[in-house]
Amino acid sequence: MGEGAPFFQYAFNTPRDDATFGLWCSLGLELLARATLASVSPTLLAQPDKEQKNLLHVVHKESELQLPKSIATTLVFDLCKRMFPVFSEEDRKVALALLNRRNAELHSGAAAFEEYRSSQWLTGFYHACRSLTTVLEESLKDLFGEQEAKFAEEMLAENRENVKKEVLSAIATHKKVFEAKQPDEQKAAKLEAEKLGQELSTKRHHRVTCPACGCTATIQGRPFGKEHVTHDESGEIVVRQAVSPTEFSCPACGLKLTTYAQLETAGLGDHYTRKTTYSAVEYYGLIDPDDLDSYIYEYLESQAGDFREYDNE
């Protein structure tokens, strides 16, 4: 794998307490993210312009362009988060933090990495790299080499163990608080949670059982992959979309989980399917014959200004 490899080689040949270690890592991560987007389509990296010259250059139709421009690095990381569920919000935040330090180092002359110790970002950096290599169907060993990959995996395993301890502790704490309530308070909280869960399920929340108190709770997530469209017997159109969970909240005991690692540890990391039902009129934007008069009225109203302008010429 060559994505960012020279920068990673420079980084791993540099002492961890050297300020340039973070600089090289940030540069390598950027190239890795760009390569991951390009694996879907190189056109994703072309900076939009009025004449689409950068896009034409990517598809080899504007080869005389001397200085083609690509999209900003912040947008690269944003697109990775939107397109690849495995690249989490935490990955994006780590990547942007390194990017900001790099920009300060290169453009302001500040010793940005002197005060940004590797202990503050190295585990997150390794995780972001592993997320991107997963998309590319590669491994950290392919990216870093055997020795560095082994070290990275050990750090990530230790970090996951810390997450497990934190999550289990949070679940135990909220369970204890809920059980300390009077029976009538518990019953009221459970009923209110069920009511809220039903309401939120109509607003793209997914209902689950809270691992702390056993009440109805909800998960939010972000869609990924293709939509699956089918028609049911009544003629309505059913759209199913896979969703990757990102946040959990229980109104009964107050437990909140805000990362995929936390959700997975709590047994709430399974992807789920969001089902939305449309009428043919809604899905295809058709005109309902029963409402034809109102459509004609709205159309004439929208054109009235144009007619008046024409009459005044």
C-alpha atoms as a PDB file:
ATOM      1  CA  MET A   1       0.000   0.000   0.000  1.00  0.00           C
ATOM      2  CA  GLY A   2       1.506   3.346  -1.029  1.00  0.00           C
ATOM      3  CA  GLU A   3      -1.110   5.793   0.334  1.00  0.00           C
ATOM      4  CA  GLY A   4       0.845   8.171   2.585  1.00  0.00           C
ATOM      5  CA  ALA A   5       3.619   5.572   3.006  1.00  0.00           C
ATOM      6  CA  PRO A   6       6.597   7.966   2.644  1.00  0.00           C
ATOM      7  CA  PHE A   7       5.183  10.300   5.297  1.00  0.00           C
ATOM      8  CA  PHE A   8       4.484   7.381   7.629  1.00  0.00           C
ATOM      9  CA  GLN A   9       8.017   6.112   7.106  1.00  0.00           C
ATOM     10  CA  TYR A  10       9.397   9.531   8.023  1.00  0.00           C
ATOM     11  CA  ALA A  11       7.133   9.579  11.090  1.00  0.00           C
ATOM     12  CA  PHE A  12       8.066   6.141  12.408  1.00  0.00           C
ATOM     13  CA  ASN A  13      11.764   6.832  11.906  1.00  0.00           C
ATOM     14  CA  THR A  14      11.353   9.908  14.112  1.00  0.00           C
ATOM     15  CA  PRO A  15      11.384   9.798  17.948  1.00  0.00           C
ATOM     16  CA  ARG A  16       7.873   9.991  19.387  1.00  0.00           C
ATOM     17  CA  ASP A  17       8.797  13.074  21.423  1.00  0.00           C
ATOM     18  CA  ASP A  18      10.028  14.946  18.355  1.00  0.00           C
ATOM     19  CA  ALA A  19       7.667  17.690  17.142  1.00  0.00           C
ATOM     20  CA  THR A  20       7.950  16.504  13.534  1.00  0.00           C
ATOM     21  CA  PHE A  21       6.475  13.105  14.425  1.00  0.00           C
ATOM     22  CA  GLY A  22       2.964  14.540  14.543  1.00  0.00           C
ATOM     23  CA  LEU A  23       3.558  16.605  11.436  1.00  0.00           C
ATOM     24  CA  TRP A  24       4.505  13.574   9.340  1.00  0.00           C
ATOM     25  CA  CYS A  25       1.583  11.571  10.755  1.00  0.00           C
ATOM     26  CA  SER A  26      -0.882  14.303   9.813  1.00  0.00           C
ATOM     27  CA  LEU A  27       0.432  14.437   6.250  1.00  0.00           C
ATOM     28  CA  GLY A  28       0.252  10.660   5.904  1.00  0.00           C
ATOM     29  CA  LEU A  29      -3.301  10.562   7.238  1.00  0.00           C
ATOM     30  CA  GLU A  30      -4.423  13.176   4.727  1.00  0.00           C
ATOM     31  CA  LEU A  31      -3.041  11.211   1.772  1.00  0.00           C
ATOM     32  CA  LEU A  32      -4.588   8.014   3.118  1.00  0.00           C
ATOM     33  CA  ALA A  33      -7.995   9.710   3.358  1.00  0.00           C
ATOM     34  CA  ARG A  34      -7.670  11.078  -0.184  1.00  0.00           C
ATOM     35  CA  ALA A  35      -6.723   7.635  -1.485  1.00  0.00           C
ATOM     36  CA  THR A  36      -9.763   6.155   0.246  1.00  0.00           C
ATOM     37  CA  LEU A  37     -12.090   8.631  -1.476  1.00  0.00           C
ATOM     38  CA  ALA A  38     -10.343   8.008  -4.791  1.00  0.00           C
ATOM     39  CA  SER A  39     -10.982   4.286  -4.389  1.00  0.00           C
ATOM     40  CA  VAL A  40     -14.671   5.109  -4.920  1.00  0.00           C
ATOM     41  CA  SER A  41     -14.018   7.649  -7.663  1.00  0.00           C
ATOM     42  CA  PRO A  42     -11.091  10.038  -8.281  1.00  0.00           C
ATOM     43  CA  THR A  43     -13.649  12.638  -9.345  1.00  0.00           C
ATOM     44  CA  LEU A  44     -14.572  13.103  -5.674  1.00  0.00           C
ATOM     45  CA  LEU A  45     -11.255  14.879  -5.174  1.00  0.00           C
ATOM     46  CA  ALA A  46     -11.668  17.465  -7.946  1.00  0.00           C
ATOM     47  CA  GLN A  47     -12.240  21.030  -6.765  1.00  0.00           C
ATOM     48  CA  PRO A  48     -15.463  22.299  -8.404  1.00  0.00           C
ATOM     49  CA  ASP A  49     -15.055  25.233 -10.793  1.00  0.00           C
ATOM     50  CA  LYS A  50     -17.291  26.953 -13.335  1.00  0.00           C
ATOM     51  CA  GLU A  51     -15.720  25.259 -16.340  1.00  0.00           C
ATOM     52  CA  GLN A  52     -15.165  21.906 -14.598  1.00  0.00           C
ATOM     53  CA  LYS A  53     -11.499  21.951 -15.611  1.00  0.00           C
ATOM     54  CA  ASN A  54     -10.345  20.129 -12.505  1.00  0.00           C
ATOM     55  CA  LEU A  55     -12.921  17.405 -13.042  1.00  0.00           C
ATOM     56  CA  LEU A  56     -11.928  17.104 -16.705  1.00  0.00           C
ATOM     57  CA  HIS A  57      -8.303  16.776 -15.655  1.00  0.00           C
ATOM     58  CA  VAL A  58      -9.205  13.839 -13.395  1.00  0.00           C
ATOM     59  CA  VAL A  59     -10.905  12.007 -16.275  1.00  0.00           C
ATOM     60  CA  HIS A  60      -7.981  12.851 -18.604  1.00  0.00           C
ATOM     61  CA  LYS A  61      -9.952  15.281 -20.757  1.00  0.00           C
ATOM     62  CA  GLU A  62      -8.089  18.453 -19.779  1.00  0.00           C
ATOM     63  CA  SER A  63      -4.514  17.193 -19.631  1.00  0.00           C
ATOM     64  CA  GLU A  64      -3.011  20.600 -20.454  1.00  0.00           C
ATOM     65  CA  LEU A  65      -4.151  21.969 -17.092  1.00  0.00           C
ATOM     66  CA  GLN A  66      -0.928  22.857 -15.294  1.00  0.00           C
ATOM     67  CA  LEU A  67      -2.178  23.310 -11.736  1.00  0.00           C
ATOM     68  CA  PRO A  68      -5.232  21.139 -11.091  1.00  0.00           C
ATOM     69  CA  LYS A  69      -6.870  21.781  -7.731  1.00  0.00           C
ATOM     70  CA  SER A  70      -8.337  19.261  -5.332  1.00  0.00           C
ATOM     71  CA  ILE A  71     -10.897  19.762  -2.573  1.00  0.00           C
ATOM     72  CA  ALA A  72      -9.879  21.047   0.857  1.00  0.00           C
ATOM     73  CA  THR A  73      -8.646  18.506   3.378  1.00  0.00           C
ATOM     74  CA  THR A  74     -11.470  19.319   5.813  1.00  0.00           C
ATOM     75  CA  LEU A  75     -13.962  18.315   3.125  1.00  0.00           C
ATOM     76  CA  VAL A  76     -11.991  15.124   2.500  1.00  0.00           C
ATOM     77  CA  PHE A  77     -12.453  14.053   6.120  1.00  0.00           C
ATOM     78  CA  ASP A  78     -16.106  15.148   6.093  1.00  0.00           C
ATOM     79  CA  LEU A  79     -16.773  13.033   3.006  1.00  0.00           C
ATOM     80  CA  CYS A  80     -15.022  10.046   4.556  1.00  0.00           C
ATOM     81  CA  LYS A  81     -17.355  10.280   7.539  1.00  0.00           C
ATOM     82  CA  ARG A  82     -20.433  10.614   5.315  1.00  0.00           C
ATOM     83  CA  MET A  83     -19.499   7.834   2.921  1.00  0.00           C
ATOM     84  CA  PHE A  84     -17.835   5.234   5.133  1.00  0.00           C
ATOM     85  CA  PRO A  85     -19.678   4.235   8.336  1.00  0.00           C
ATOM     86  CA  VAL A  86     -16.500   2.714   9.767  1.00  0.00           C
ATOM     87  CA  PHE A  87     -14.876   6.181   9.740  1.00  0.00           C
ATOM     88  CA  SER A  88     -16.540   7.575  12.843  1.00  0.00           C
ATOM     89  CA  GLU A  89     -17.085  11.081  14.159  1.00  0.00           C
ATOM     90  CA  GLU A  90     -14.217  10.430  16.579  1.00  0.00           C
ATOM     91  CA  ASP A  91     -11.965   9.552  13.628  1.00  0.00           C
ATOM     92  CA  ARG A  92     -12.958  12.788  11.908  1.00  0.00           C
ATOM     93  CA  LYS A  93     -12.277  14.858  15.030  1.00  0.00           C
ATOM     94  CA  VAL A  94      -8.806  13.354  15.476  1.00  0.00           C
ATOM     95  CA  ALA A  95      -8.017  13.931  11.810  1.00  0.00           C
ATOM     96  CA  LEU A  96      -9.162  17.562  11.966  1.00  0.00           C
ATOM     97  CA  ALA A  97      -7.205  18.190  15.170  1.00  0.00           C
ATOM     98  CA  LEU A  98      -4.023  16.954  13.498  1.00  0.00           C
ATOM     99  CA  LEU A  99      -4.840  19.001  10.407  1.00  0.00           C
ATOM    100  CA  ASN A 100      -5.255  22.179  12.456  1.00  0.00           C
ATOM    101  CA  ARG A 101      -1.921  21.576  14.189  1.00  0.00           C
ATOM    102  CA  ARG A 102      -0.252  20.939  10.856  1.00  0.00           C
ATOM    103  CA  ASN A 103      -1.637  24.153   9.375  1.00  0.00           C
ATOM    104  CA  ALA A 104      -0.479  26.131  12.393  1.00  0.00           C
ATOM    105  CA  GLU A 105       2.971  24.554  12.120  1.00  0.00           C
ATOM    106  CA  LEU A 106       3.361  25.214   8.394  1.00  0.00           C
ATOM    107  CA  HIS A 107       1.532  28.517   7.927  1.00  0.00           C
ATOM    108  CA  SER A 108       2.023  30.460  11.124  1.00  0.00           C
ATOM    109  CA  GLY A 109       5.463  29.383  12.222  1.00  0.00           C
ATOM    110  CA  ALA A 110       4.080  28.189  15.562  1.00  0.00           C
ATOM    111  CA  ALA A 111       5.578  25.106  17.179  1.00  0.00           C
ATOM    112  CA  ALA A 112       2.126  23.539  17.169  1.00  0.00           C
ATOM    113  CA  PHE A 113       3.237  19.977  17.862  1.00  0.00           C
ATOM    114  CA  GLU A 114       5.604  20.914  20.680  1.00  0.00           C
ATOM    115  CA  GLU A 115       2.696  21.225  23.103  1.00  0.00           C
ATOM    116  CA  TYR A 116       0.493  18.586  21.457  1.00  0.00           C
ATOM    117  CA  ARG A 117       1.959  15.443  22.937  1.00  0.00           C
ATOM    118  CA  SER A 118       1.510  12.147  21.126  1.00  0.00           C
ATOM    119  CA  SER A 119      -0.314  10.704  24.157  1.00  0.00           C
ATOM    120  CA  GLN A 120      -3.162  13.107  23.357  1.00  0.00           C
ATOM    121  CA  TRP A 121      -3.776  11.885  19.818  1.00  0.00           C
ATOM    122  CA  LEU A 122      -1.766   8.778  18.869  1.00  0.00           C
ATOM    123  CA  THR A 123      -4.418   6.163  19.727  1.00  0.00           C
ATOM    124  CA  GLY A 124      -7.064   8.128  17.816  1.00  0.00           C
ATOM    125  CA  PHE A 125      -4.683   8.493  14.877  1.00  0.00           C
ATOM    126  CA  TYR A 126      -4.126   4.742  14.734  1.00  0.00           C
ATOM    127  CA  HIS A 127      -7.886   4.173  14.894  1.00  0.00           C
ATOM    128  CA  ALA A 128      -8.564   6.605  12.038  1.00  0.00           C
ATOM    129  CA  CYS A 129      -5.902   4.904   9.916  1.00  0.00           C
ATOM    130  CA  ARG A 130      -7.365   1.473  10.657  1.00  0.00           C
ATOM    131  CA  SER A 131     -10.842   2.696   9.707  1.00  0.00           C
ATOM    132  CA  LEU A 132      -9.589   3.922   6.338  1.00  0.00           C
ATOM    133  CA  THR A 133      -7.533   0.822   5.607  1.00  0.00           C
ATOM    134  CA  THR A 134     -10.634  -1.256   6.367  1.00  0.00           C
ATOM    135  CA  VAL A 135     -12.469   0.597   3.601  1.00  0.00           C
ATOM    136  CA  LEU A 136      -9.571  -0.170   1.271  1.00  0.00           C
ATOM    137  CA  GLU A 137      -9.680  -3.839   2.345  1.00  0.00           C
ATOM    138  CA  GLU A 138      -6.156  -3.521   3.664  1.00  0.00           C
ATOM    139  CA  SER A 139      -4.607  -3.615   7.151  1.00  0.00           C
ATOM    140  CA  LEU A 140      -2.345  -1.511   9.342  1.00  0.00           C
ATOM    141  CA  LYS A 141       0.408  -4.000   8.565  1.00  0.00           C
ATOM    142  CA  ASP A 142       0.062  -3.159   4.874  1.00  0.00           C
ATOM    143  CA  LEU A 143       0.188   0.539   5.726  1.00  0.00           C
ATOM    144  CA  PHE A 144       2.779   0.763   8.511  1.00  0.00           C
ATOM    145  CA  GLY A 145       4.781  -2.423   8.334  1.00  0.00           C
ATOM    146  CA  GLU A 146       4.710  -5.313  10.789  1.00  0.00           C
ATOM    147  CA  GLN A 147       6.445  -3.746  13.799  1.00  0.00           C
ATOM    148  CA  GLU A 148       4.522  -0.461  13.871  1.00  0.00           C
ATOM    149  CA  ALA A 149       1.227  -2.215  13.111  1.00  0.00           C
ATOM    150  CA  LYS A 150       1.738  -4.550  16.093  1.00  0.00           C
ATOM    151  CA  PHE A 151       2.355  -1.562  18.366  1.00  0.00           C
ATOM    152  CA  ALA A 152      -0.719   0.230  16.988  1.00  0.00           C
ATOM    153  CA  GLU A 153      -2.982  -2.791  17.495  1.00  0.00           C
ATOM    154  CA  GLU A 154      -1.765  -3.170  21.080  1.00  0.00           C
ATOM    155  CA  MET A 155      -2.611   0.485  21.787  1.00  0.00           C
ATOM    156  CA  LEU A 156      -6.036   0.127  20.208  1.00  0.00           C
ATOM    157  CA  ALA A 157      -6.751  -3.015  22.234  1.00  0.00           C
ATOM    158  CA  GLU A 158      -5.816  -1.204  25.451  1.00  0.00           C
ATOM    159  CA  ASN A 159      -8.023   1.731  24.497  1.00  0.00           C
ATOM    160  CA  ARG A 160     -10.983  -0.569  23.797  1.00  0.00           C
ATOM    161  CA  GLU A 161     -10.480  -2.138  27.233  1.00  0.00           C
ATOM    162  CA  ASN A 162     -10.647   1.353  28.777  1.00  0.00           C
ATOM    163  CA  VAL A 163     -13.866   2.041  26.879  1.00  0.00           C
ATOM    164  CA  LYS A 164     -15.297  -1.241  28.148  1.00  0.00           C
ATOM    165  CA  LYS A 165     -14.516  -0.319  31.749  1.00  0.00           C
ATOM    166  CA  GLU A 166     -16.054   3.143  31.346  1.00  0.00           C
ATOM    167  CA  VAL A 167     -19.230   1.830  29.720  1.00  0.00           C
ATOM    168  CA  LEU A 168     -19.777  -0.977  32.210  1.00  0.00           C
ATOM    169  CA  SER A 169     -19.207   1.480  35.049  1.00  0.00           C
ATOM    170  CA  ALA A 170     -21.722   3.931  33.563  1.00  0.00           C
ATOM    171  CA  ILE A 171     -24.319   1.175  33.119  1.00  0.00           C
ATOM    172  CA  ALA A 172     -23.842  -0.009  36.714  1.00  0.00           C
ATOM    173  CA  THR A 173     -24.110   3.548  38.064  1.00  0.00           C
ATOM    174  CA  HIS A 174     -27.323   4.361  36.189  1.00  0.00           C
ATOM    175  CA  LYS A 175     -28.825   1.011  37.122  1.00  0.00           C
ATOM    176  CA  LYS A 176     -28.148   1.706  40.786  1.00  0.00           C
ATOM    177  CA  VAL A 177     -29.698   5.176  40.554  1.00  0.00           C
ATOM    178  CA  PHE A 178     -32.824   3.845  38.841  1.00  0.00           C
ATOM    179  CA  GLU A 179     -33.257   0.992  41.312  1.00  0.00           C
ATOM    180  CA  ALA A 180     -32.968   3.476  44.195  1.00  0.00           C
ATOM    181  CA  LYS A 181     -36.192   5.155  43.050  1.00  0.00           C
ATOM    182  CA  GLN A 182     -39.529   4.302  44.614  1.00  0.00           C
ATOM    183  CA  PRO A 183     -41.585   1.667  42.730  1.00  0.00           C
ATOM    184  CA  ASP A 184     -44.166   4.241  41.637  1.00  0.00           C
ATOM    185  CA  GLU A 185     -41.373   6.503  40.333  1.00  0.00           C
ATOM    186  CA  GLN A 186     -39.857   3.612  38.390  1.00  0.00           C
ATOM    187  CA  LYS A 187     -43.251   2.766  36.900  1.00  0.00           C
ATOM    188  CA  ALA A 188     -43.887   6.382  35.886  1.00  0.00           C
ATOM    189  CA  ALA A 189     -40.415   6.671  34.331  1.00  0.00           C
ATOM    190  CA  LYS A 190     -40.932   3.433  32.400  1.00  0.00           C
ATOM    191  CA  LEU A 191     -44.301   4.560  31.029  1.00  0.00           C
ATOM    192  CA  GLU A 192     -42.926   7.958  30.046  1.00  0.00           C
ATOM    193  CA  ALA A 193     -39.955   6.297  28.326  1.00  0.00           C
ATOM    194  CA  GLU A 194     -42.295   4.039  26.339  1.00  0.00           C
ATOM    195  CA  LYS A 195     -44.392   7.024  25.297  1.00  0.00           C
ATOM    196  CA  LEU A 196     -41.346   9.043  24.254  1.00  0.00           C
ATOM    197  CA  GLY A 197     -39.859   6.055  22.442  1.00  0.00           C
ATOM    198  CA  GLN A 198     -43.041   5.647  20.398  1.00  0.00           C
ATOM    199  CA  GLU A 199     -43.002   9.336  19.516  1.00  0.00           C
ATOM    200  CA  LEU A 200     -39.319   9.381  18.565  1.00  0.00           C
ATOM    201  CA  SER A 201     -39.681   6.227  16.449  1.00  0.00           C
ATOM    202  CA  THR A 202     -41.657   8.368  13.989  1.00  0.00           C
ATOM    203  CA  LYS A 203     -38.713  10.804  13.852  1.00  0.00           C
ATOM    204  CA  ARG A 204     -36.015   8.416  12.663  1.00  0.00           C
ATOM    205  CA  HIS A 205     -35.041   7.088  16.102  1.00  0.00           C
ATOM    206  CA  HIS A 206     -34.671   3.360  16.696  1.00  0.00           C
ATOM    207  CA  ARG A 207     -36.188   1.862  19.849  1.00  0.00           C
ATOM    208  CA  VAL A 208     -34.084  -0.481  22.006  1.00  0.00           C
ATOM    209  CA  THR A 209     -34.001  -1.708  25.596  1.00  0.00           C
ATOM    210  CA  CYS A 210     -31.745   0.200  27.969  1.00  0.00           C
ATOM    211  CA  PRO A 211     -28.932  -2.032  29.300  1.00  0.00           C
ATOM    212  CA  ALA A 212     -29.042  -0.202  32.653  1.00  0.00           C
ATOM    213  CA  CYS A 213     -32.713   0.020  33.644  1.00  0.00           C
ATOM    214  CA  GLY A 214     -34.519  -2.147  31.078  1.00  0.00           C
ATOM    215  CA  CYS A 215     -36.792   0.684  29.918  1.00  0.00           C
ATOM    216  CA  THR A 216     -37.449   1.803  26.364  1.00  0.00           C
ATOM    217  CA  ALA A 217     -34.607   3.896  24.991  1.00  0.00           C
ATOM    218  CA  THR A 218     -33.663   5.111  21.532  1.00  0.00           C
ATOM    219  CA  ILE A 219     -30.705   5.063  19.190  1.00  0.00           C
ATOM    220  CA  GLN A 220     -29.892   7.494  16.431  1.00  0.00           C
ATOM    221  CA  GLY A 221     -27.632   6.664  13.519  1.00  0.00           C
ATOM    222  CA  ARG A 222     -26.591   7.598  10.038  1.00  0.00           C
ATOM    223  CA  PRO A 223     -27.634   5.825   6.843  1.00  0.00           C
ATOM    224  CA  PHE A 224     -25.153   4.040   4.610  1.00  0.00           C
ATOM    225  CA  GLY A 225     -25.270   1.919   1.501  1.00  0.00           C
ATOM    226  CA  LYS A 226     -27.975   1.792  -1.130  1.00  0.00           C
ATOM    227  CA  GLU A 227     -31.671   2.151  -0.485  1.00  0.00           C
ATOM    228  CA  HIS A 228     -33.801  -0.933  -1.178  1.00  0.00           C
ATOM    229  CA  VAL A 229     -37.107  -0.021  -2.781  1.00  0.00           C
ATOM    230  CA  THR A 230     -40.062  -2.440  -2.936  1.00  0.00           C
ATOM    231  CA  HIS A 231     -43.814  -2.223  -3.537  1.00  0.00           C
ATOM    232  CA  ASP A 232     -46.269  -3.746  -1.087  1.00  0.00           C
ATOM    233  CA  GLU A 233     -49.672  -5.270  -1.837  1.00  0.00           C
ATOM    234  CA  SER A 234     -51.503  -1.990  -1.264  1.00  0.00           C
ATOM    235  CA  GLY A 235     -49.436  -0.256  -3.936  1.00  0.00           C
ATOM    236  CA  GLU A 236     -47.393   1.785  -1.472  1.00  0.00           C
ATOM    237  CA  ILE A 237     -43.641   2.086  -1.924  1.00  0.00           C
ATOM    238  CA  VAL A 238     -41.414   0.864   0.894  1.00  0.00           C
ATOM    239  CA  VAL A 239     -37.855   2.178   1.171  1.00  0.00           C
ATOM    240  CA  ARG A 240     -35.442   0.333   3.438  1.00  0.00           C
ATOM    241  CA  GLN A 241     -32.126   1.922   4.392  1.00  0.00           C
ATOM    242  CA  ALA A 242     -29.337   0.402   6.491  1.00  0.00           C
ATOM    243  CA  VAL A 243     -28.304   2.588   9.439  1.00  0.00           C
ATOM    244  CA  SER A 244     -25.139   2.564  11.538  1.00  0.00           C
ATOM    245  CA  PRO A 245     -25.820   3.494  15.210  1.00  0.00           C
ATOM    246  CA  THR A 246     -24.039   6.546  16.595  1.00  0.00           C
ATOM    247  CA  GLU A 247     -25.868   7.747  19.734  1.00  0.00           C
ATOM    248  CA  PHE A 248     -27.928   6.176  22.523  1.00  0.00           C
ATOM    249  CA  SER A 249     -30.139   7.877  25.093  1.00  0.00           C
ATOM    250  CA  CYS A 250     -32.412   6.566  27.846  1.00  0.00           C
ATOM    251  CA  PRO A 251     -34.928   9.054  29.292  1.00  0.00           C
ATOM    252  CA  ALA A 252     -35.746   6.798  32.251  1.00  0.00           C
ATOM    253  CA  CYS A 253     -32.313   6.510  33.883  1.00  0.00           C
ATOM    254  CA  GLY A 254     -30.340   9.143  31.969  1.00  0.00           C
ATOM    255  CA  LEU A 255     -27.734   6.818  30.441  1.00  0.00           C
ATOM    256  CA  LYS A 256     -26.142   8.275  27.294  1.00  0.00           C
ATOM    257  CA  LEU A 257     -23.610   6.702  24.938  1.00  0.00           C
ATOM    258  CA  THR A 258     -22.112   8.868  22.210  1.00  0.00           C
ATOM    259  CA  THR A 259     -19.590   6.754  20.279  1.00  0.00           C
ATOM    260  CA  TYR A 260     -19.844   3.558  18.293  1.00  0.00           C
ATOM    261  CA  ALA A 261     -17.229   1.914  20.525  1.00  0.00           C
ATOM    262  CA  GLN A 262     -19.412   2.632  23.567  1.00  0.00           C
ATOM    263  CA  LEU A 263     -22.535   1.352  21.829  1.00  0.00           C
ATOM    264  CA  GLU A 264     -20.769  -1.825  20.716  1.00  0.00           C
ATOM    265  CA  THR A 265     -19.476  -2.453  24.246  1.00  0.00           C
ATOM    266  CA  ALA A 266     -23.013  -2.066  25.622  1.00  0.00           C
ATOM    267  CA  GLY A 267     -24.376  -4.566  23.118  1.00  0.00           C
ATOM    268  CA  LEU A 268     -26.079  -1.848  21.074  1.00  0.00           C
ATOM    269  CA  GLY A 269     -23.744  -1.729  18.081  1.00  0.00           C
ATOM    270  CA  ASP A 270     -25.840  -3.748  15.624  1.00  0.00           C
ATOM    271  CA  HIS A 271     -26.779  -1.993  12.420  1.00  0.00           C
ATOM    272  CA  TYR A 272     -30.503  -1.712  11.844  1.00  0.00           C
ATOM    273  CA  THR A 273     -32.865  -0.974   8.976  1.00  0.00           C
ATOM    274  CA  ARG A 274     -34.928   2.186   8.668  1.00  0.00           C
ATOM    275  CA  LYS A 275     -38.249   1.608   6.892  1.00  0.00           C
ATOM    276  CA  THR A 276     -40.128   4.480   5.250  1.00  0.00           C
ATOM    277  CA  THR A 277     -43.417   4.079   3.392  1.00  0.00           C
ATOM    278  CA  TYR A 278     -44.535   6.429   0.594  1.00  0.00           C
ATOM    279  CA  SER A 279     -47.500   6.637  -1.690  1.00  0.00           C
ATOM    280  CA  ALA A 280     -46.701   6.553  -5.407  1.00  0.00           C
ATOM    281  CA  VAL A 281     -47.678  10.227  -5.598  1.00  0.00           C
ATOM    282  CA  GLU A 282     -45.189  11.143  -2.837  1.00  0.00           C
ATOM    283  CA  TYR A 283     -42.308   8.982  -4.061  1.00  0.00           C
ATOM    284  CA  TYR A 284     -42.487   9.814  -7.756  1.00  0.00           C
ATOM    285  CA  GLY A 285     -43.755  13.375  -7.392  1.00  0.00           C
ATOM    286  CA  LEU A 286     -46.915  12.625  -9.352  1.00  0.00           C
ATOM    287  CA  ILE A 287     -50.011  14.797  -9.569  1.00  0.00           C
ATOM    288  CA  ASP A 288     -53.051  13.411  -7.768  1.00  0.00           C
ATOM    289  CA  PRO A 289     -56.051  13.692 -10.167  1.00  0.00           C
ATOM    290  CA  ASP A 290     -58.285  14.603  -7.245  1.00  0.00           C
ATOM    291  CA  ASP A 291     -56.115  17.655  -6.557  1.00  0.00           C
ATOM    292  CA  LEU A 292     -55.702  18.726 -10.185  1.00  0.00           C
ATOM    293  CA  ASP A 293     -57.508  22.050  -9.695  1.00  0.00           C
ATOM    294  CA  SER A 294     -55.219  23.059  -6.832  1.00  0.00           C
ATOM    295  CA  TYR A 295     -52.100  22.171  -8.877  1.00  0.00           C
ATOM    296  CA  ILE A 296     -53.355  24.309 -11.772  1.00  0.00           C
ATOM    297  CA  TYR A 297     -54.107  27.192  -9.402  1.00  0.00           C
ATOM    298  CA  GLU A 298     -50.643  27.001  -7.808  1.00  0.00           C
ATOM    299  CA  TYR A 299     -48.999  26.868 -11.236  1.00  0.00           C
ATOM    300  CA  LEU A 300     -50.911  29.920 -12.504  1.00  0.00           C
ATOM    301  CA  GLU A 301     -50.046  31.817  -9.318  1.00  0.00           C
ATOM    302  CA  SER A 302     -46.354  31.002  -9.763  1.00  0.00           C
ATOM    303  CA  GLN A 303     -46.473  32.216 -13.358  1.00  0.00           C
ATOM    304  CA  ALA A 304     -48.474  35.380 -12.657  1.00  0.00           C
ATOM    305  CA  GLY A 305     -45.368  37.464 -12.093  1.00  0.00           C
ATOM    306  CA  ASP A 306     -43.902  36.364 -15.413  1.00  0.00           C
ATOM    307  CA  PHE A 307     -47.127  37.222 -17.229  1.00  0.00           C
ATOM    308  CA  ARG A 308     -47.225  40.693 -15.655  1.00  0.00           C
ATOM    309  CA  GLU A 309     -43.600  41.290 -16.569  1.00  0.00           C
ATOM    310  CA  TYR A 310     -44.316  40.302 -20.178  1.00  0.00           C
ATOM    311  CA  ASP A 311     -47.327  42.653 -20.358  1.00  0.00           C
ATOM    312  CA  ASN A 312     -45.204  45.606 -19.251  1.00  0.00           C
ATOM    313  CA  GLU A 313     -42.641  45.191 -22.025  1.00  0.00           C
END
